[in-house]
PDB file of N, CA and C in Angstrom:
ATOM      1  N   MET A   1      10.978   5.101  10.507  1.00  0.00           N
ATOM      2  CA  MET A   1      10.793   3.730  10.603  1.00  0.00           C
ATOM      3  C   MET A   1      10.739   2.460   9.496  1.00  0.00           C
ATOM      4  N   ALA A   2      11.080   1.595  10.306  1.00  0.00           N
ATOM      5  CA  ALA A   2      10.966   0.944   8.892  1.00  0.00           C
ATOM      6  C   ALA A   2      10.087   0.320   8.344  1.00  0.00           C
ATOM      7  N   ASN A   3       8.845   0.358   9.204  1.00  0.00           N
ATOM      8  CA  ASN A   3       8.221  -0.466   8.849  1.00  0.00           C
ATOM      9  C   ASN A   3       6.986   0.590   8.332  1.00  0.00           C
ATOM     10  N   GLU A   4       7.150   1.480   8.392  1.00  0.00           N
ATOM     11  CA  GLU A   4       6.111   2.862   7.572  1.00  0.00           C
ATOM     12  C   GLU A   4       6.265   2.457   6.300  1.00  0.00           C
ATOM     13  N   THR A   5       4.895   2.828   5.837  1.00  0.00           N
ATOM     14  CA  THR A   5       4.139   2.980   4.329  1.00  0.00           C
ATOM     15  C   THR A   5       4.562   3.923   4.347  1.00  0.00           C
ATOM     16  N   PRO A   6       5.344   4.110   2.588  1.00  0.00           N
ATOM     17  CA  PRO A   6       5.539   5.632   2.317  1.00  0.00           C
ATOM     18  C   PRO A   6       4.283   6.422   2.147  1.00  0.00           C
ATOM     19  N   ARG A   7       4.182   7.603   2.051  1.00  0.00           N
ATOM     20  CA  ARG A   7       3.188   7.993   1.691  1.00  0.00           C
ATOM     21  C   ARG A   7       2.738   7.818   0.089  1.00  0.00           C
ATOM     22  N   SER A   8       3.644   8.457  -1.078  1.00  0.00           N
ATOM     23  CA  SER A   8       3.300   8.578  -1.891  1.00  0.00           C
ATOM     24  C   SER A   8       3.806   6.844  -2.623  1.00  0.00           C
ATOM     25  N   GLY A   9       3.491   6.780  -4.321  1.00  0.00           N
ATOM     26  CA  GLY A   9       3.653   5.889  -4.463  1.00  0.00           C
ATOM     27  C   GLY A   9       2.269   4.752  -5.469  1.00  0.00           C
ATOM     28  N   HIS A  10       2.437   3.555  -5.731  1.00  0.00           N
ATOM     29  CA  HIS A  10       1.149   3.276  -5.692  1.00  0.00           C
ATOM     30  C   HIS A  10       1.741   1.595  -5.177  1.00  0.00           C
ATOM     31  N   THR A  11       0.617   0.999  -5.262  1.00  0.00           N
ATOM     32  CA  THR A  11       0.106  -0.284  -5.200  1.00  0.00           C
ATOM     33  C   THR A  11       0.779  -1.601  -5.316  1.00  0.00           C
ATOM     34  N   ALA A  12       0.948  -2.484  -4.892  1.00  0.00           N
ATOM     35  CA  ALA A  12       2.149  -3.571  -5.515  1.00  0.00           C
ATOM     36  C   ALA A  12       0.665  -3.870  -6.736  1.00  0.00           C
ATOM     37  N   GLY A  13      -0.540  -4.320  -6.168  1.00  0.00           N
ATOM     38  CA  GLY A  13      -1.594  -4.534  -6.499  1.00  0.00           C
ATOM     39  C   GLY A  13      -1.705  -6.533  -7.124  1.00  0.00           C
ATOM     40  N   ALA A  14      -1.612  -6.523  -8.411  1.00  0.00           N
ATOM     41  CA  ALA A  14      -1.494  -8.024  -8.524  1.00  0.00           C
ATOM     42  C   ALA A  14      -0.459  -9.029  -8.348  1.00  0.00           C
ATOM     43  N   PHE A  15       0.641  -7.712  -8.383  1.00  0.00           N
ATOM     44  CA  PHE A  15       1.754  -8.718  -7.794  1.00  0.00           C
ATOM     45  C   PHE A  15       2.535  -8.562  -6.421  1.00  0.00           C
ATOM     46  N   ASP A  16       1.581  -8.205  -5.809  1.00  0.00           N
ATOM     47  CA  ASP A  16       1.665  -8.576  -4.229  1.00  0.00           C
ATOM     48  C   ASP A  16       1.647 -10.164  -4.343  1.00  0.00           C
ATOM     49  N   ILE A  17       2.920 -10.505  -2.927  1.00  0.00           N
ATOM     50  CA  ILE A  17       2.804 -12.132  -3.001  1.00  0.00           C
ATOM     51  C   ILE A  17       1.567 -12.693  -2.612  1.00  0.00           C
ATOM     52  N   ARG A  18       0.731 -11.853  -1.938  1.00  0.00           N
ATOM     53  CA  ARG A  18      -0.152 -12.253  -0.669  1.00  0.00           C
ATOM     54  C   ARG A  18      -1.333 -12.684  -1.898  1.00  0.00           C
ATOM     55  N   VAL A  19      -1.457 -12.210  -2.787  1.00  0.00           N
ATOM     56  CA  VAL A  19      -1.875 -11.870  -3.687  1.00  0.00           C
ATOM     57  C   VAL A  19      -2.053 -13.995  -4.892  1.00  0.00           C
ATOM     58  N   ILE A  20      -0.837 -13.376  -5.061  1.00  0.00           N
ATOM     59  CA  ILE A  20      -0.218 -14.784  -6.014  1.00  0.00           C
ATOM     60  C   ILE A  20      -0.634 -16.400  -4.853  1.00  0.00           C
ATOM     61  N   ILE A  21      -0.387 -15.994  -3.502  1.00  0.00           N
ATOM     62  CA  ILE A  21      -0.371 -17.148  -2.843  1.00  0.00           C
ATOM     63  C   ILE A  21      -1.897 -17.355  -2.491  1.00  0.00           C
ATOM     64  N   ALA A  22      -2.625 -16.235  -2.540  1.00  0.00           N
ATOM     65  CA  ALA A  22      -3.930 -16.581  -1.985  1.00  0.00           C
ATOM     66  C   ALA A  22      -4.876 -17.091  -3.532  1.00  0.00           C
ATOM     67  N   ALA A  23      -4.229 -16.746  -4.687  1.00  0.00           N
ATOM     68  CA  ALA A  23      -4.744 -17.282  -5.893  1.00  0.00           C
ATOM     69  C   ALA A  23      -4.112 -19.192  -5.880  1.00  0.00           C
ATOM     70  N   LEU A  24      -2.922 -18.948  -5.457  1.00  0.00           N
ATOM     71  CA  LEU A  24      -2.793 -20.809  -5.536  1.00  0.00           C
ATOM     72  C   LEU A  24      -3.568 -21.756  -4.772  1.00  0.00           C
ATOM     73  N   PHE A  25      -3.537 -20.856  -3.411  1.00  0.00           N
ATOM     74  CA  PHE A  25      -4.563 -21.657  -2.410  1.00  0.00           C
ATOM     75  C   PHE A  25      -6.166 -22.221  -2.910  1.00  0.00           C
ATOM     76  N   ALA A  26      -6.565 -20.528  -3.454  1.00  0.00           N
ATOM     77  CA  ALA A  26      -7.542 -20.584  -4.250  1.00  0.00           C
ATOM     78  C   ALA A  26      -8.316 -21.913  -5.331  1.00  0.00           C
ATOM     79  N   ILE A  27      -7.054 -21.871  -6.562  1.00  0.00           N
ATOM     80  CA  ILE A  27      -7.127 -23.231  -7.066  1.00  0.00           C
ATOM     81  C   ILE A  27      -7.428 -23.938  -6.893  1.00  0.00           C
ATOM     82  N   TYR A  28      -6.122 -24.558  -5.429  1.00  0.00           N
ATOM     83  CA  TYR A  28      -6.426 -26.421  -4.957  1.00  0.00           C
ATOM     84  C   TYR A  28      -7.205 -26.214  -3.907  1.00  0.00           C
ATOM     85  N   GLY A  29      -7.613 -25.071  -3.424  1.00  0.00           N
ATOM     86  CA  GLY A  29      -9.348 -25.161  -2.310  1.00  0.00           C
ATOM     87  C   GLY A  29     -10.092 -25.339  -3.515  1.00  0.00           C
ATOM     88  N   LEU A  30     -10.417 -24.927  -4.363  1.00  0.00           N
ATOM     89  CA  LEU A  30     -11.505 -25.281  -5.037  1.00  0.00           C
ATOM     90  C   LEU A  30     -11.476 -26.735  -5.832  1.00  0.00           C
ATOM     91  N   VAL A  31     -10.079 -27.377  -6.541  1.00  0.00           N
ATOM     92  CA  VAL A  31      -9.880 -28.694  -6.564  1.00  0.00           C
ATOM     93  C   VAL A  31     -10.760 -29.625  -5.924  1.00  0.00           C
ATOM     94  N   LEU A  32     -10.124 -29.449  -4.358  1.00  0.00           N
ATOM     95  CA  LEU A  32     -10.152 -30.243  -3.512  1.00  0.00           C
ATOM     96  C   LEU A  32     -11.994 -30.364  -2.873  1.00  0.00           C
ATOM     97  N   LEU A  33     -12.905 -29.130  -3.276  1.00  0.00           N
ATOM     98  CA  LEU A  33     -13.980 -29.397  -2.820  1.00  0.00           C
ATOM     99  C   LEU A  33     -14.776 -29.307  -4.092  1.00  0.00           C
ATOM    100  N   VAL A  34     -14.316 -29.697  -4.944  1.00  0.00           N
ATOM    101  CA  VAL A  34     -15.093 -30.288  -6.160  1.00  0.00           C
ATOM    102  C   VAL A  34     -15.174 -31.866  -5.907  1.00  0.00           C
ATOM    103  N   VAL A  35     -13.252 -32.125  -5.488  1.00  0.00           N
ATOM    104  CA  VAL A  35     -13.294 -33.909  -5.952  1.00  0.00           C
ATOM    105  C   VAL A  35     -14.430 -34.058  -3.952  1.00  0.00           C
ATOM    106  N   GLY A  36     -14.010 -33.371  -3.338  1.00  0.00           N
ATOM    107  CA  GLY A  36     -14.846 -33.842  -1.819  1.00  0.00           C
ATOM    108  C   GLY A  36     -16.536 -34.095  -2.233  1.00  0.00           C
ATOM    109  N   VAL A  37     -16.713 -32.688  -3.000  1.00  0.00           N
ATOM    110  CA  VAL A  37     -18.084 -33.315  -3.073  1.00  0.00           C
ATOM    111  C   VAL A  37     -18.612 -34.028  -4.211  1.00  0.00           C
ATOM    112  N   VAL A  38     -18.009 -34.277  -5.516  1.00  0.00           N
ATOM    113  CA  VAL A  38     -18.447 -35.159  -6.116  1.00  0.00           C
ATOM    114  C   VAL A  38     -17.800 -36.564  -6.717  1.00  0.00           C
ATOM    115  N   ALA A  39     -16.385 -36.252  -5.862  1.00  0.00           N
ATOM    116  CA  ALA A  39     -15.886 -38.075  -6.272  1.00  0.00           C
ATOM    117  C   ALA A  39     -15.219 -38.903  -5.283  1.00  0.00           C
ATOM    118  N   THR A  40     -16.030 -38.335  -4.056  1.00  0.00           N
ATOM    119  CA  THR A  40     -15.719 -38.853  -2.828  1.00  0.00           C
ATOM    120  C   THR A  40     -16.675 -39.906  -2.519  1.00  0.00           C
ATOM    121  N   ALA A  41     -15.821 -41.133  -2.681  1.00  0.00           N
ATOM    122  CA  ALA A  41     -16.551 -42.424  -2.164  1.00  0.00           C
ATOM    123  C   ALA A  41     -16.330 -42.899  -0.755  1.00  0.00           C
ATOM    124  N   PRO A  42     -17.633 -43.713  -0.387  1.00  0.00           N
ATOM    125  CA  PRO A  42     -17.989 -44.215   0.980  1.00  0.00           C
ATOM    126  C   PRO A  42     -16.906 -44.653   1.688  1.00  0.00           C
ATOM    127  N   GLU A  43     -16.138 -45.232   1.265  1.00  0.00           N
ATOM    128  CA  GLU A  43     -14.848 -46.232   1.253  1.00  0.00           C
ATOM    129  C   GLU A  43     -13.619 -44.812   1.696  1.00  0.00           C
ATOM    130  N   ASP A  44     -13.186 -43.806   1.344  1.00  0.00           N
ATOM    131  CA  ASP A  44     -12.402 -42.884   1.208  1.00  0.00           C
ATOM    132  C   ASP A  44     -12.862 -42.363   2.414  1.00  0.00           C
ATOM    133  N   VAL A  45     -14.178 -42.203   3.109  1.00  0.00           N
ATOM    134  CA  VAL A  45     -14.543 -41.505   4.180  1.00  0.00           C
ATOM    135  C   VAL A  45     -14.430 -42.438   5.397  1.00  0.00           C
ATOM    136  N   ALA A  46     -14.787 -43.424   5.065  1.00  0.00           N
ATOM    137  CA  ALA A  46     -14.438 -45.047   6.196  1.00  0.00           C
ATOM    138  C   ALA A  46     -12.896 -44.527   6.676  1.00  0.00           C
ATOM    139  N   LYS A  47     -12.094 -44.377   5.563  1.00  0.00           N
ATOM    140  CA  LYS A  47     -10.455 -44.472   5.718  1.00  0.00           C
ATOM    141  C   LYS A  47     -10.213 -43.334   6.808  1.00  0.00           C
ATOM    142  N   ALA A  48     -10.940 -42.071   6.469  1.00  0.00           N
ATOM    143  CA  ALA A  48     -10.474 -41.255   7.036  1.00  0.00           C
ATOM    144  C   ALA A  48     -11.543 -40.784   8.471  1.00  0.00           C
ATOM    145  N   ALA A  49     -11.385 -42.274   8.898  1.00  0.00           N
ATOM    146  CA  ALA A  49     -12.006 -41.734  10.514  1.00  0.00           C
ATOM    147  C   ALA A  49     -13.989 -40.841  10.286  1.00  0.00           C
ATOM    148  N   GLY A  50     -14.471 -40.676   9.255  1.00  0.00           N
ATOM    149  CA  GLY A  50     -15.414 -40.837   9.135  1.00  0.00           C
ATOM    150  C   GLY A  50     -15.965 -38.777   8.093  1.00  0.00           C
ATOM    151  N   ILE A  51     -14.683 -38.564   8.133  1.00  0.00           N
ATOM    152  CA  ILE A  51     -14.153 -37.302   7.861  1.00  0.00           C
ATOM    153  C   ILE A  51     -13.983 -37.361   6.280  1.00  0.00           C
ATOM    154  N   ASN A  52     -15.208 -36.215   5.708  1.00  0.00           N
ATOM    155  CA  ASN A  52     -14.313 -36.132   4.268  1.00  0.00           C
ATOM    156  C   ASN A  52     -13.439 -35.089   4.211  1.00  0.00           C
ATOM    157  N   ILE A  53     -12.772 -35.504   3.941  1.00  0.00           N
ATOM    158  CA  ILE A  53     -10.956 -34.992   4.158  1.00  0.00           C
ATOM    159  C   ILE A  53     -10.941 -34.251   3.166  1.00  0.00           C
ATOM    160  N   ASN A  54     -11.037 -34.476   2.133  1.00  0.00           N
ATOM    161  CA  ASN A  54     -10.872 -33.630   0.667  1.00  0.00           C
ATOM    162  C   ASN A  54     -12.164 -32.745   0.889  1.00  0.00           C
ATOM    163  N   LEU A  55     -13.102 -32.396   1.146  1.00  0.00           N
ATOM    164  CA  LEU A  55     -14.242 -31.526   0.821  1.00  0.00           C
ATOM    165  C   LEU A  55     -13.614 -30.149   2.476  1.00  0.00           C
ATOM    166  N   TRP A  56     -13.427 -30.786   3.735  1.00  0.00           N
ATOM    167  CA  TRP A  56     -12.779 -29.695   4.559  1.00  0.00           C
ATOM    168  C   TRP A  56     -11.449 -29.207   4.353  1.00  0.00           C
ATOM    169  N   SER A  57     -10.808 -29.545   3.324  1.00  0.00           N
ATOM    170  CA  SER A  57      -9.297 -29.403   3.461  1.00  0.00           C
ATOM    171  C   SER A  57      -9.832 -28.301   2.468  1.00  0.00           C
ATOM    172  N   GLY A  58     -10.309 -28.288   1.171  1.00  0.00           N
ATOM    173  CA  GLY A  58     -10.600 -27.331  -0.022  1.00  0.00           C
ATOM    174  C   GLY A  58     -11.665 -26.017   0.981  1.00  0.00           C
ATOM    175  N   VAL A  59     -12.436 -26.239   1.753  1.00  0.00           N
ATOM    176  CA  VAL A  59     -13.192 -25.694   2.653  1.00  0.00           C
ATOM    177  C   VAL A  59     -11.879 -24.134   3.305  1.00  0.00           C
ATOM    178  N   GLY A  60     -11.345 -25.062   3.767  1.00  0.00           N
ATOM    179  CA  GLY A  60     -10.217 -24.584   4.816  1.00  0.00           C
ATOM    180  C   GLY A  60      -8.979 -23.531   4.038  1.00  0.00           C
ATOM    181  N   MET A  61      -8.833 -24.312   2.807  1.00  0.00           N
ATOM    182  CA  MET A  61      -7.934 -23.146   1.974  1.00  0.00           C
ATOM    183  C   MET A  61      -8.929 -22.297   1.252  1.00  0.00           C
ATOM    184  N   LEU A  62      -9.978 -22.142   1.358  1.00  0.00           N
ATOM    185  CA  LEU A  62     -10.559 -21.100   0.689  1.00  0.00           C
ATOM    186  C   LEU A  62     -11.180 -20.190   1.832  1.00  0.00           C
ATOM    187  N   VAL A  63     -11.216 -20.795   2.628  1.00  0.00           N
ATOM    188  CA  VAL A  63     -10.716 -19.570   4.091  1.00  0.00           C
ATOM    189  C   VAL A  63      -9.782 -18.765   4.047  1.00  0.00           C
ATOM    190  N   PHE A  64      -8.320 -19.877   3.880  1.00  0.00           N
ATOM    191  CA  PHE A  64      -6.757 -18.898   4.075  1.00  0.00           C
ATOM    192  C   PHE A  64      -7.011 -18.009   2.826  1.00  0.00           C
ATOM    193  N   THR A  65      -7.764 -18.649   1.884  1.00  0.00           N
ATOM    194  CA  THR A  65      -7.578 -17.680   0.825  1.00  0.00           C
ATOM    195  C   THR A  65      -7.829 -15.922   0.715  1.00  0.00           C
ATOM    196  N   ALA A  66      -9.517 -16.506   1.624  1.00  0.00           N
ATOM    197  CA  ALA A  66     -10.154 -15.066   1.922  1.00  0.00           C
ATOM    198  C   ALA A  66      -9.178 -14.452   2.623  1.00  0.00           C
ATOM    199  N   LEU A  67      -8.577 -14.894   3.687  1.00  0.00           N
ATOM    200  CA  LEU A  67      -8.176 -13.735   4.437  1.00  0.00           C
ATOM    201  C   LEU A  67      -6.592 -13.418   4.095  1.00  0.00           C
ATOM    202  N   PHE A  68      -6.037 -14.511   3.672  1.00  0.00           N
ATOM    203  CA  PHE A  68      -5.502 -13.394   2.751  1.00  0.00           C
ATOM    204  C   PHE A  68      -5.401 -12.063   1.394  1.00  0.00           C
ATOM    205  N   VAL A  69      -6.510 -12.732   0.961  1.00  0.00           N
ATOM    206  CA  VAL A  69      -7.126 -11.105   0.269  1.00  0.00           C
ATOM    207  C   VAL A  69      -7.601 -10.139   0.914  1.00  0.00           C
ATOM    208  N   LEU A  70      -7.953 -10.411   2.174  1.00  0.00           N
ATOM    209  CA  LEU A  70      -8.720  -9.532   3.116  1.00  0.00           C
ATOM    210  C   LEU A  70      -7.514  -8.612   3.438  1.00  0.00           C
ATOM    211  N   TRP A  71      -6.403  -9.527   3.687  1.00  0.00           N
ATOM    212  CA  TRP A  71      -5.473  -8.518   4.345  1.00  0.00           C
ATOM    213  C   TRP A  71      -4.938  -7.943   3.520  1.00  0.00           C
ATOM    214  N   ALA A  72      -4.440  -8.524   2.239  1.00  0.00           N
ATOM    215  CA  ALA A  72      -3.906  -7.207   0.872  1.00  0.00           C
ATOM    216  C   ALA A  72      -4.528  -6.215   0.611  1.00  0.00           C
ATOM    217  N   ARG A  73      -5.766  -6.630   1.097  1.00  0.00           N
ATOM    218  CA  ARG A  73      -7.190  -5.460   0.507  1.00  0.00           C
ATOM    219  C   ARG A  73      -6.994  -4.151   1.943  1.00  0.00           C
ATOM    220  N   LEU A  74      -6.769  -4.587   3.274  1.00  0.00           N
ATOM    221  CA  LEU A  74      -6.675  -3.678   3.978  1.00  0.00           C
ATOM    222  C   LEU A  74      -5.458  -3.106   4.087  1.00  0.00           C
ATOM    223  N   ARG A  75      -4.277  -3.828   3.587  1.00  0.00           N
ATOM    224  CA  ARG A  75      -2.640  -3.957   4.261  1.00  0.00           C
ATOM    225  C   ARG A  75      -2.335  -3.579   2.958  1.00  0.00           C
ATOM    226  N   PRO A  76      -2.456  -2.622   1.681  1.00  0.00           N
ATOM    227  CA  PRO A  76      -1.949  -2.619   0.515  1.00  0.00           C
ATOM    228  C   PRO A  76      -0.332  -2.422   0.667  1.00  0.00           C
ATOM    229  N   ILE A  77       0.554  -3.575  -0.312  1.00  0.00           N
ATOM    230  CA  ILE A  77       2.231  -3.367  -0.249  1.00  0.00           C
ATOM    231  C   ILE A  77       2.694  -1.676  -0.858  1.00  0.00           C
ATOM    232  N   ARG A  78       3.026  -0.086  -0.534  1.00  0.00           N
ATOM    233  CA  ARG A  78       2.900   1.038  -1.392  1.00  0.00           C
ATOM    234  C   ARG A  78       5.064   0.662  -2.080  1.00  0.00           C
ATOM    235  N   VAL A  79       4.327   0.775  -3.270  1.00  0.00           N
ATOM    236  CA  VAL A  79       5.524   0.937  -3.973  1.00  0.00           C
ATOM    237  C   VAL A  79       6.322   2.138  -4.772  1.00  0.00           C
ATOM    238  N   PRO A  80       6.919   2.793  -3.551  1.00  0.00           N
ATOM    239  CA  PRO A  80       7.648   4.045  -4.148  1.00  0.00           C
ATOM    240  C   PRO A  80       7.562   4.559  -5.739  1.00  0.00           C
ATOM    241  N   ASP A  81       7.222   5.500  -6.071  1.00  0.00           N
ATOM    242  CA  ASP A  81       7.810   6.470  -6.991  1.00  0.00           C
ATOM    243  C   ASP A  81       8.971   6.643  -7.481  1.00  0.00           C
ATOM    244  N   GLU A  82       9.501   6.231  -8.673  1.00  0.00           N
ATOM    245  CA  GLU A  82      10.785   6.718  -9.065  1.00  0.00           C
ATOM    246  C   GLU A  82      11.367   8.196  -8.869  1.00  0.00           C
ATOM    247  N   SER A  83      10.008   9.158  -8.944  1.00  0.00           N
ATOM    248  CA  SER A  83      10.702  10.331  -8.529  1.00  0.00           C
ATOM    249  C   SER A  83      10.649  10.493  -7.260  1.00  0.00           C
ATOM    250  N   ALA A  84      10.241  10.059  -6.583  1.00  0.00           N
ATOM    251  CA  ALA A  84      10.160  10.273  -4.893  1.00  0.00           C
ATOM    252  C   ALA A  84      11.565   9.896  -4.750  1.00  0.00           C
ATOM    253  N   HIS A  85      12.543   9.327  -5.375  1.00  0.00           N
ATOM    254  CA  HIS A  85      13.992   9.054  -4.742  1.00  0.00           C
ATOM    255  C   HIS A  85      15.112  10.005  -5.176  1.00  0.00           C
ATOM    256  N   GLN A  86      14.640  10.924  -6.481  1.00  0.00           N
ATOM    257  CA  GLN A  86      15.419  11.857  -6.827  1.00  0.00           C
ATOM    258  C   GLN A  86      15.124  13.226  -6.424  1.00  0.00           C
TER     259      GLN A  86
END
């Protein structure tokens, strides 16, 4: 079947696209979290209906990052070895 993972080979590791996406979301999430904690004025919170949108967006992105990393760890992508094809 097409969705079966090969038995031999190695994992994609750092080159797994899920890890790259998680790293980008982690960077942006940390920036938003810091901005939400340090540099959010009360006027900004008032404009956003009383919600510190930078803080909660950063938290959401970090949760998304954790889920992607968990997914990549539990279901790694297997890359077949070259010798297995010959």
